[in-house]
Amino acid sequence: MNNIRTASGDWRIREFIAEAIGLVGGIAELARIAGVSERTVYAWKNGERHPSRTNLNRVTEHLESIVEGGWTQGGSGPGLPMQERTLAPYGSSGGRAVLGDKAAGAQAKADLLESFVFVEKAQARPSAGGGSLETGGEGEGVYAFRLDWLTRKTADTSRLRIMEVMGRSMENTLHNGDMCLVNERDKELVEDRIYVIRVHDEIYVKRFSRAPGRYLFRGDNRELSYQDIEVDVSDESLNWEVIGRVIWAGKDF
């Protein structure tokens, strides 16, 4: 039973986190104390994730330094001693959780992994020029991004992909060889944003704009304007799709 969290335990943890946020002065401060991202604290508060014992011990130690006689804040709540309340969801009967060196190392690794999102790099290379036939969806390794950084760019991190840009038509925004982060769940076309699209058997990366009855996918390098793409929205025979929106780009030197 030591690894089982009960429903009542989940409720206690969520209540403890909510009260701790109020006592320390906000989510950002609690995240600093626990050594995690603000997004992780939001997830604890909403019951989407459970803090590790290491995280809870950090919070408990801090609160014990400013609260006398246990965690009762104005007499509300279950009134359990702080250690018992924080450890209850993990099956402990009380007292500080003590981890061996090996377990502590594993927990530290788990805490680190929890703070990152690992994004696969696709073989597909969208062209900023005349189109790329390298459209394979298979992976070529992964890139790690901090979860708190990603959640400032997108609320959904479940369908992200790294793609390498080919061609020059998106200069000086995107250059040949740049890595772009594509959100494949974001397919809603918004003026002036950059998208990866497929037209027939070729894929492109272009900036979107509208004209009456047409979608325009253009490069930022107007010297190569002949490589722009126009989509007639009334032409049902045209085989095309939006793969996703570019939300970040970087480069190797």
C-alpha atoms as a PDB file:
ATOM      1  CA  MET A   1       0.000   0.000   0.000  1.00  0.00           C
ATOM      2  CA  ASN A   2       2.987   2.343   0.286  1.00  0.00           C
ATOM      3  CA  ASN A   3       2.786   3.447  -3.341  1.00  0.00           C
ATOM      4  CA  ILE A   4      -0.987   3.909  -3.486  1.00  0.00           C
ATOM      5  CA  ARG A   5      -2.509   7.389  -3.226  1.00  0.00           C
ATOM      6  CA  THR A   6      -6.071   7.388  -1.971  1.00  0.00           C
ATOM      7  CA  ALA A   7      -8.793   9.828  -3.007  1.00  0.00           C
ATOM      8  CA  SER A   8      -8.739  11.353   0.458  1.00  0.00           C
ATOM      9  CA  GLY A   9      -4.957  11.656   0.200  1.00  0.00           C
ATOM     10  CA  ASP A  10      -5.259  13.508  -3.112  1.00  0.00           C
ATOM     11  CA  TRP A  11      -7.726  15.903  -1.504  1.00  0.00           C
ATOM     12  CA  ARG A  12      -5.375  16.536   1.406  1.00  0.00           C
ATOM     13  CA  ILE A  13      -2.452  17.266  -0.887  1.00  0.00           C
ATOM     14  CA  ARG A  14      -4.487  19.695  -3.009  1.00  0.00           C
ATOM     15  CA  GLU A  15      -5.702  21.468   0.126  1.00  0.00           C
ATOM     16  CA  PHE A  16      -2.196  21.571   1.563  1.00  0.00           C
ATOM     17  CA  ILE A  17      -0.801  23.083  -1.666  1.00  0.00           C
ATOM     18  CA  ALA A  18      -3.599  25.676  -1.842  1.00  0.00           C
ATOM     19  CA  GLU A  19      -3.008  26.723   1.767  1.00  0.00           C
ATOM     20  CA  ALA A  20       0.764  26.766   1.301  1.00  0.00           C
ATOM     21  CA  ILE A  21       0.392  29.067  -1.722  1.00  0.00           C
ATOM     22  CA  GLY A  22      -1.583  31.497   0.395  1.00  0.00           C
ATOM     23  CA  LEU A  23       0.875  31.381   3.290  1.00  0.00           C
ATOM     24  CA  VAL A  24       4.089  31.891   1.317  1.00  0.00           C
ATOM     25  CA  GLY A  25       2.615  34.604  -0.900  1.00  0.00           C
ATOM     26  CA  GLY A  26       1.835  32.993  -4.224  1.00  0.00           C
ATOM     27  CA  ILE A  27       2.541  30.233  -6.726  1.00  0.00           C
ATOM     28  CA  ALA A  28       5.868  31.682  -7.869  1.00  0.00           C
ATOM     29  CA  GLU A  29       7.247  31.689  -4.327  1.00  0.00           C
ATOM     30  CA  LEU A  30       6.042  28.154  -3.593  1.00  0.00           C
ATOM     31  CA  ALA A  31       7.637  26.975  -6.853  1.00  0.00           C
ATOM     32  CA  ARG A  32      10.933  28.528  -5.742  1.00  0.00           C
ATOM     33  CA  ILE A  33      10.717  26.861  -2.330  1.00  0.00           C
ATOM     34  CA  ALA A  34       9.882  23.442  -3.784  1.00  0.00           C
ATOM     35  CA  GLY A  35      12.471  23.748  -6.551  1.00  0.00           C
ATOM     36  CA  VAL A  36       9.994  23.232  -9.396  1.00  0.00           C
ATOM     37  CA  SER A  37       8.363  25.297 -12.128  1.00  0.00           C
ATOM     38  CA  GLU A  38       5.270  27.448 -11.615  1.00  0.00           C
ATOM     39  CA  ARG A  39       3.437  25.194 -14.075  1.00  0.00           C
ATOM     40  CA  THR A  40       4.181  22.200 -11.848  1.00  0.00           C
ATOM     41  CA  VAL A  41       2.687  23.974  -8.816  1.00  0.00           C
ATOM     42  CA  TYR A  42      -0.435  24.766 -10.867  1.00  0.00           C
ATOM     43  CA  ALA A  43      -0.664  21.065 -11.718  1.00  0.00           C
ATOM     44  CA  TRP A  44      -0.362  20.098  -8.023  1.00  0.00           C
ATOM     45  CA  LYS A  45      -3.039  22.625  -7.064  1.00  0.00           C
ATOM     46  CA  ASN A  46      -5.413  21.332  -9.761  1.00  0.00           C
ATOM     47  CA  GLY A  47      -4.785  17.663  -8.971  1.00  0.00           C
ATOM     48  CA  GLU A  48      -3.176  17.004 -12.362  1.00  0.00           C
ATOM     49  CA  ARG A  49       0.064  15.822 -10.760  1.00  0.00           C
ATOM     50  CA  HIS A  50       1.286  14.775  -7.332  1.00  0.00           C
ATOM     51  CA  PRO A  51       4.358  16.309  -5.708  1.00  0.00           C
ATOM     52  CA  SER A  52       7.179  13.966  -4.818  1.00  0.00           C
ATOM     53  CA  ARG A  53       8.160  13.368  -1.190  1.00  0.00           C
ATOM     54  CA  THR A  54      11.282  15.423  -1.829  1.00  0.00           C
ATOM     55  CA  ASN A  55       9.173  18.372  -3.005  1.00  0.00           C
ATOM     56  CA  LEU A  56       6.797  18.028  -0.073  1.00  0.00           C
ATOM     57  CA  ASN A  57       9.642  17.858   2.432  1.00  0.00           C
ATOM     58  CA  ARG A  58      11.095  21.109   1.064  1.00  0.00           C
ATOM     59  CA  VAL A  59       7.733  22.850   1.423  1.00  0.00           C
ATOM     60  CA  THR A  60       7.103  21.350   4.861  1.00  0.00           C
ATOM     61  CA  GLU A  61      10.500  22.392   6.196  1.00  0.00           C
ATOM     62  CA  HIS A  62       9.897  25.942   5.033  1.00  0.00           C
ATOM     63  CA  LEU A  63       6.397  26.122   6.520  1.00  0.00           C
ATOM     64  CA  GLU A  64       7.537  24.610   9.811  1.00  0.00           C
ATOM     65  CA  SER A  65       9.992  27.462  10.124  1.00  0.00           C
ATOM     66  CA  ILE A  66       7.155  30.013  10.072  1.00  0.00           C
ATOM     67  CA  VAL A  67       4.217  28.123  11.609  1.00  0.00           C
ATOM     68  CA  GLU A  68       4.153  26.855  15.208  1.00  0.00           C
ATOM     69  CA  GLY A  69       2.279  23.721  16.326  1.00  0.00           C
ATOM     70  CA  GLY A  70       1.366  22.188  12.967  1.00  0.00           C
ATOM     71  CA  TRP A  71      -0.620  23.345   9.965  1.00  0.00           C
ATOM     72  CA  THR A  72      -4.010  24.632  11.079  1.00  0.00           C
ATOM     73  CA  GLN A  73      -4.263  28.144   9.513  1.00  0.00           C
ATOM     74  CA  GLY A  74      -7.053  29.783  11.495  1.00  0.00           C
ATOM     75  CA  GLY A  75      -8.319  26.448  12.807  1.00  0.00           C
ATOM     76  CA  SER A  76      -9.653  25.387   9.388  1.00  0.00           C
ATOM     77  CA  GLY A  77      -8.974  22.113   7.635  1.00  0.00           C
ATOM     78  CA  PRO A  78      -8.408  18.639   9.066  1.00  0.00           C
ATOM     79  CA  GLY A  79      -5.914  19.962  11.611  1.00  0.00           C
ATOM     80  CA  LEU A  80      -3.402  17.137  11.080  1.00  0.00           C
ATOM     81  CA  PRO A  81       0.207  17.863  11.967  1.00  0.00           C
ATOM     82  CA  MET A  82       2.057  19.146   8.950  1.00  0.00           C
ATOM     83  CA  GLN A  83       4.280  16.088   8.479  1.00  0.00           C
ATOM     84  CA  GLU A  84       1.342  13.699   8.722  1.00  0.00           C
ATOM     85  CA  ARG A  85      -0.731  15.684   6.232  1.00  0.00           C
ATOM     86  CA  THR A  86       2.015  15.854   3.660  1.00  0.00           C
ATOM     87  CA  LEU A  87       2.963  12.197   3.948  1.00  0.00           C
ATOM     88  CA  ALA A  88      -0.535  10.717   4.248  1.00  0.00           C
ATOM     89  CA  PRO A  89      -1.110  10.302   0.471  1.00  0.00           C
ATOM     90  CA  TYR A  90       2.081   8.237   0.272  1.00  0.00           C
ATOM     91  CA  GLY A  91       1.008   5.692   2.890  1.00  0.00           C
ATOM     92  CA  SER A  92       3.318   6.903   5.653  1.00  0.00           C
ATOM     93  CA  SER A  93       2.091   6.635   9.234  1.00  0.00           C
ATOM     94  CA  GLY A  94       3.963   9.767  10.214  1.00  0.00           C
ATOM     95  CA  GLY A  95       7.473  11.160  10.545  1.00  0.00           C
ATOM     96  CA  ARG A  96       9.850  12.514   7.914  1.00  0.00           C
ATOM     97  CA  ALA A  97      10.320  10.464   4.759  1.00  0.00           C
ATOM     98  CA  VAL A  98      13.910   9.280   4.554  1.00  0.00           C
ATOM     99  CA  LEU A  99      15.257   8.190   1.192  1.00  0.00           C
ATOM    100  CA  GLY A 100      18.428   6.185   0.684  1.00  0.00           C
ATOM    101  CA  ASP A 101      21.136   7.530  -1.610  1.00  0.00           C
ATOM    102  CA  LYS A 102      19.980   5.394  -4.524  1.00  0.00           C
ATOM    103  CA  ALA A 103      16.317   6.279  -4.061  1.00  0.00           C
ATOM    104  CA  ALA A 104      17.174   9.951  -3.582  1.00  0.00           C
ATOM    105  CA  GLY A 105      19.154   9.913  -6.826  1.00  0.00           C
ATOM    106  CA  ALA A 106      16.271   8.281  -8.659  1.00  0.00           C
ATOM    107  CA  GLN A 107      13.861  10.825  -7.211  1.00  0.00           C
ATOM    108  CA  ALA A 108      16.113  13.713  -8.220  1.00  0.00           C
ATOM    109  CA  LYS A 109      16.213  12.319 -11.754  1.00  0.00           C
ATOM    110  CA  ALA A 110      12.431  11.964 -11.781  1.00  0.00           C
ATOM    111  CA  ASP A 111      12.030  15.538 -10.555  1.00  0.00           C
ATOM    112  CA  LEU A 112      14.366  16.736 -13.317  1.00  0.00           C
ATOM    113  CA  LEU A 113      12.504  14.821 -16.018  1.00  0.00           C
ATOM    114  CA  GLU A 114       9.212  16.239 -14.744  1.00  0.00           C
ATOM    115  CA  SER A 115      10.493  19.731 -15.538  1.00  0.00           C
ATOM    116  CA  PHE A 116      11.185  18.989 -19.217  1.00  0.00           C
ATOM    117  CA  VAL A 117       9.250  18.051 -22.343  1.00  0.00           C
ATOM    118  CA  PHE A 118      11.101  15.872 -24.851  1.00  0.00           C
ATOM    119  CA  VAL A 119      10.272  16.722 -28.465  1.00  0.00           C
ATOM    120  CA  GLU A 120      11.092  14.410 -31.355  1.00  0.00           C
ATOM    121  CA  LYS A 121      12.890  15.765 -34.418  1.00  0.00           C
ATOM    122  CA  ALA A 122      11.151  14.675 -37.605  1.00  0.00           C
ATOM    123  CA  GLN A 123      12.950  13.508 -40.728  1.00  0.00           C
ATOM    124  CA  ALA A 124      10.645  15.878 -42.600  1.00  0.00           C
ATOM    125  CA  ARG A 125      12.393  19.082 -43.691  1.00  0.00           C
ATOM    126  CA  PRO A 126       9.890  21.796 -44.645  1.00  0.00           C
ATOM    127  CA  SER A 127      11.164  23.989 -47.430  1.00  0.00           C
ATOM    128  CA  ALA A 128      11.327  27.756 -47.204  1.00  0.00           C
ATOM    129  CA  GLY A 129      11.840  27.619 -50.955  1.00  0.00           C
ATOM    130  CA  GLY A 130      10.287  25.613 -53.739  1.00  0.00           C
ATOM    131  CA  GLY A 131       9.105  22.638 -51.710  1.00  0.00           C
ATOM    132  CA  SER A 132      10.704  19.616 -50.062  1.00  0.00           C
ATOM    133  CA  LEU A 133      10.112  15.979 -50.888  1.00  0.00           C
ATOM    134  CA  GLU A 134      11.658  14.949 -47.554  1.00  0.00           C
ATOM    135  CA  THR A 135       8.367  14.484 -45.752  1.00  0.00           C
ATOM    136  CA  GLY A 136       8.999  11.456 -43.548  1.00  0.00           C
ATOM    137  CA  GLY A 137       7.327  11.555 -40.155  1.00  0.00           C
ATOM    138  CA  GLU A 138       9.876   9.237 -38.560  1.00  0.00           C
ATOM    139  CA  GLY A 139      12.039  10.575 -35.746  1.00  0.00           C
ATOM    140  CA  GLU A 140      15.707  11.607 -35.744  1.00  0.00           C
ATOM    141  CA  GLY A 141      16.340  11.979 -32.016  1.00  0.00           C
ATOM    142  CA  VAL A 142      14.844  14.297 -29.393  1.00  0.00           C
ATOM    143  CA  TYR A 143      15.311  17.818 -28.032  1.00  0.00           C
ATOM    144  CA  ALA A 144      14.558  18.762 -24.417  1.00  0.00           C
ATOM    145  CA  PHE A 145      12.587  21.922 -23.591  1.00  0.00           C
ATOM    146  CA  ARG A 146      11.759  23.279 -20.143  1.00  0.00           C
ATOM    147  CA  LEU A 147       8.069  22.770 -19.367  1.00  0.00           C
ATOM    148  CA  ASP A 148       7.670  26.221 -17.792  1.00  0.00           C
ATOM    149  CA  TRP A 149       9.142  27.846 -20.923  1.00  0.00           C
ATOM    150  CA  LEU A 150       6.935  25.833 -23.281  1.00  0.00           C
ATOM    151  CA  THR A 151       3.732  26.604 -21.408  1.00  0.00           C
ATOM    152  CA  ARG A 152       4.329  30.310 -22.054  1.00  0.00           C
ATOM    153  CA  LYS A 153       4.107  29.537 -25.776  1.00  0.00           C
ATOM    154  CA  THR A 154       1.389  26.882 -25.891  1.00  0.00           C
ATOM    155  CA  ALA A 155      -1.103  25.351 -23.498  1.00  0.00           C
ATOM    156  CA  ASP A 156      -0.869  21.965 -25.232  1.00  0.00           C
ATOM    157  CA  THR A 157       2.546  20.276 -25.380  1.00  0.00           C
ATOM    158  CA  SER A 158       1.314  16.872 -26.558  1.00  0.00           C
ATOM    159  CA  ARG A 159       1.915  17.246 -30.318  1.00  0.00           C
ATOM    160  CA  LEU A 160       5.150  19.160 -30.756  1.00  0.00           C
ATOM    161  CA  ARG A 161       7.746  18.352 -33.395  1.00  0.00           C
ATOM    162  CA  ILE A 162      11.156  19.728 -34.329  1.00  0.00           C
ATOM    163  CA  MET A 163      11.721  20.229 -38.075  1.00  0.00           C
ATOM    164  CA  GLU A 164      14.777  21.495 -39.947  1.00  0.00           C
ATOM    165  CA  VAL A 165      14.237  24.326 -42.439  1.00  0.00           C
ATOM    166  CA  MET A 166      15.479  24.063 -46.018  1.00  0.00           C
ATOM    167  CA  GLY A 167      15.886  27.009 -48.414  1.00  0.00           C
ATOM    168  CA  ARG A 168      16.133  30.800 -48.240  1.00  0.00           C
ATOM    169  CA  SER A 169      12.665  32.224 -48.904  1.00  0.00           C
ATOM    170  CA  MET A 170      11.961  32.845 -45.172  1.00  0.00           C
ATOM    171  CA  GLU A 171      15.137  34.881 -44.572  1.00  0.00           C
ATOM    172  CA  ASN A 172      15.724  36.840 -42.375  1.00  0.00           C
ATOM    173  CA  THR A 173      13.245  35.099 -40.098  1.00  0.00           C
ATOM    174  CA  LEU A 174      14.217  31.493 -40.792  1.00  0.00           C
ATOM    175  CA  HIS A 175      17.446  30.415 -42.449  1.00  0.00           C
ATOM    176  CA  ASN A 176      18.518  27.249 -44.165  1.00  0.00           C
ATOM    177  CA  GLY A 177      19.357  24.696 -41.462  1.00  0.00           C
ATOM    178  CA  ASP A 178      17.416  26.383 -38.657  1.00  0.00           C
ATOM    179  CA  MET A 179      15.412  24.179 -36.294  1.00  0.00           C
ATOM    180  CA  CYS A 180      11.780  25.144 -35.869  1.00  0.00           C
ATOM    181  CA  LEU A 181       9.406  23.936 -33.171  1.00  0.00           C
ATOM    182  CA  VAL A 182       6.037  23.075 -34.717  1.00  0.00           C
ATOM    183  CA  ASN A 183       2.803  22.674 -32.760  1.00  0.00           C
ATOM    184  CA  GLU A 184       0.893  20.098 -34.797  1.00  0.00           C
ATOM    185  CA  ARG A 185      -2.300  20.731 -32.807  1.00  0.00           C
ATOM    186  CA  ASP A 186      -2.372  24.401 -33.834  1.00  0.00           C
ATOM    187  CA  LYS A 187      -3.830  24.304 -37.343  1.00  0.00           C
ATOM    188  CA  GLU A 188      -6.126  27.344 -37.153  1.00  0.00           C
ATOM    189  CA  LEU A 189      -4.821  29.853 -39.677  1.00  0.00           C
ATOM    190  CA  VAL A 190      -4.151  33.287 -38.176  1.00  0.00           C
ATOM    191  CA  GLU A 191      -2.884  36.240 -40.211  1.00  0.00           C
ATOM    192  CA  ASP A 192       0.896  36.834 -40.142  1.00  0.00           C
ATOM    193  CA  ARG A 193       1.805  33.629 -38.319  1.00  0.00           C
ATOM    194  CA  ILE A 194       4.175  31.016 -39.733  1.00  0.00           C
ATOM    195  CA  TYR A 195       2.954  27.520 -40.614  1.00  0.00           C
ATOM    196  CA  VAL A 196       4.266  24.269 -42.011  1.00  0.00           C
ATOM    197  CA  ILE A 197       1.926  23.103 -44.782  1.00  0.00           C
ATOM    198  CA  ARG A 198       1.768  20.206 -47.198  1.00  0.00           C
ATOM    199  CA  VAL A 199       0.735  20.747 -50.820  1.00  0.00           C
ATOM    200  CA  HIS A 200       0.421  17.461 -52.728  1.00  0.00           C
ATOM    201  CA  ASP A 201       3.670  15.623 -51.878  1.00  0.00           C
ATOM    202  CA  GLU A 202       5.782  18.595 -50.817  1.00  0.00           C
ATOM    203  CA  ILE A 203       5.986  20.483 -47.533  1.00  0.00           C
ATOM    204  CA  TYR A 204       6.727  24.158 -46.970  1.00  0.00           C
ATOM    205  CA  VAL A 205       7.239  26.641 -44.165  1.00  0.00           C
ATOM    206  CA  LYS A 206       5.665  30.031 -44.967  1.00  0.00           C
ATOM    207  CA  ARG A 207       3.937  33.050 -43.445  1.00  0.00           C
ATOM    208  CA  PHE A 208       0.158  33.123 -43.819  1.00  0.00           C
ATOM    209  CA  SER A 209      -2.052  35.929 -45.134  1.00  0.00           C
ATOM    210  CA  ARG A 210      -5.481  36.176 -46.733  1.00  0.00           C
ATOM    211  CA  ALA A 211      -6.944  37.562 -49.932  1.00  0.00           C
ATOM    212  CA  PRO A 212     -10.549  37.298 -51.183  1.00  0.00           C
ATOM    213  CA  GLY A 213     -11.158  33.606 -51.883  1.00  0.00           C
ATOM    214  CA  ARG A 214      -7.499  32.704 -51.431  1.00  0.00           C
ATOM    215  CA  TYR A 215      -5.002  31.688 -48.791  1.00  0.00           C
ATOM    216  CA  LEU A 216      -1.522  33.100 -49.344  1.00  0.00           C
ATOM    217  CA  PHE A 217       1.579  31.409 -47.951  1.00  0.00           C
ATOM    218  CA  ARG A 218       4.525  33.705 -48.525  1.00  0.00           C
ATOM    219  CA  GLY A 219       8.211  33.860 -47.763  1.00  0.00           C
ATOM    220  CA  ASP A 220       9.722  36.785 -45.845  1.00  0.00           C
ATOM    221  CA  ASN A 221      12.498  37.084 -48.449  1.00  0.00           C
ATOM    222  CA  ARG A 222      10.675  39.063 -51.141  1.00  0.00           C
ATOM    223  CA  GLU A 223      13.546  38.576 -53.592  1.00  0.00           C
ATOM    224  CA  LEU A 224      12.223  35.011 -53.889  1.00  0.00           C
ATOM    225  CA  SER A 225       8.530  35.911 -54.139  1.00  0.00           C
ATOM    226  CA  TYR A 226       8.097  33.508 -57.064  1.00  0.00           C
ATOM    227  CA  GLN A 227       8.217  30.711 -54.485  1.00  0.00           C
ATOM    228  CA  ASP A 228       5.039  31.924 -52.746  1.00  0.00           C
ATOM    229  CA  ILE A 229       2.024  29.618 -52.658  1.00  0.00           C
ATOM    230  CA  GLU A 230      -1.607  30.533 -53.341  1.00  0.00           C
ATOM    231  CA  VAL A 231      -4.437  28.228 -52.298  1.00  0.00           C
ATOM    232  CA  ASP A 232      -7.813  28.677 -53.963  1.00  0.00           C
ATOM    233  CA  VAL A 233     -10.222  27.833 -51.134  1.00  0.00           C
ATOM    234  CA  SER A 234     -12.925  26.841 -53.658  1.00  0.00           C
ATOM    235  CA  ASP A 235     -10.687  24.320 -55.430  1.00  0.00           C
ATOM    236  CA  GLU A 236     -11.616  20.989 -53.800  1.00  0.00           C
ATOM    237  CA  SER A 237      -9.224  19.100 -56.074  1.00  0.00           C
ATOM    238  CA  LEU A 238      -6.164  20.671 -54.436  1.00  0.00           C
ATOM    239  CA  ASN A 239      -4.599  18.230 -51.979  1.00  0.00           C
ATOM    240  CA  TRP A 240      -3.190  20.335 -49.155  1.00  0.00           C
ATOM    241  CA  GLU A 241      -3.203  20.585 -45.369  1.00  0.00           C
ATOM    242  CA  VAL A 242      -1.821  22.600 -42.486  1.00  0.00           C
ATOM    243  CA  ILE A 243       0.683  20.478 -40.553  1.00  0.00           C
ATOM    244  CA  GLY A 244       1.099  22.938 -37.687  1.00  0.00           C
ATOM    245  CA  ARG A 245       2.244  26.375 -36.552  1.00  0.00           C
ATOM    246  CA  VAL A 246       5.855  27.345 -35.906  1.00  0.00           C
ATOM    247  CA  ILE A 247       6.113  28.609 -32.326  1.00  0.00           C
ATOM    248  CA  TRP A 248       9.912  28.892 -32.004  1.00  0.00           C
ATOM    249  CA  ALA A 249      13.056  28.620 -34.084  1.00  0.00           C
ATOM    250  CA  GLY A 250      16.721  28.161 -33.229  1.00  0.00           C
ATOM    251  CA  LYS A 251      19.944  27.365 -34.997  1.00  0.00           C
ATOM    252  CA  ASP A 252      23.124  25.361 -34.643  1.00  0.00           C
ATOM    253  CA  PHE A 253      26.437  27.155 -35.101  1.00  0.00           C
END
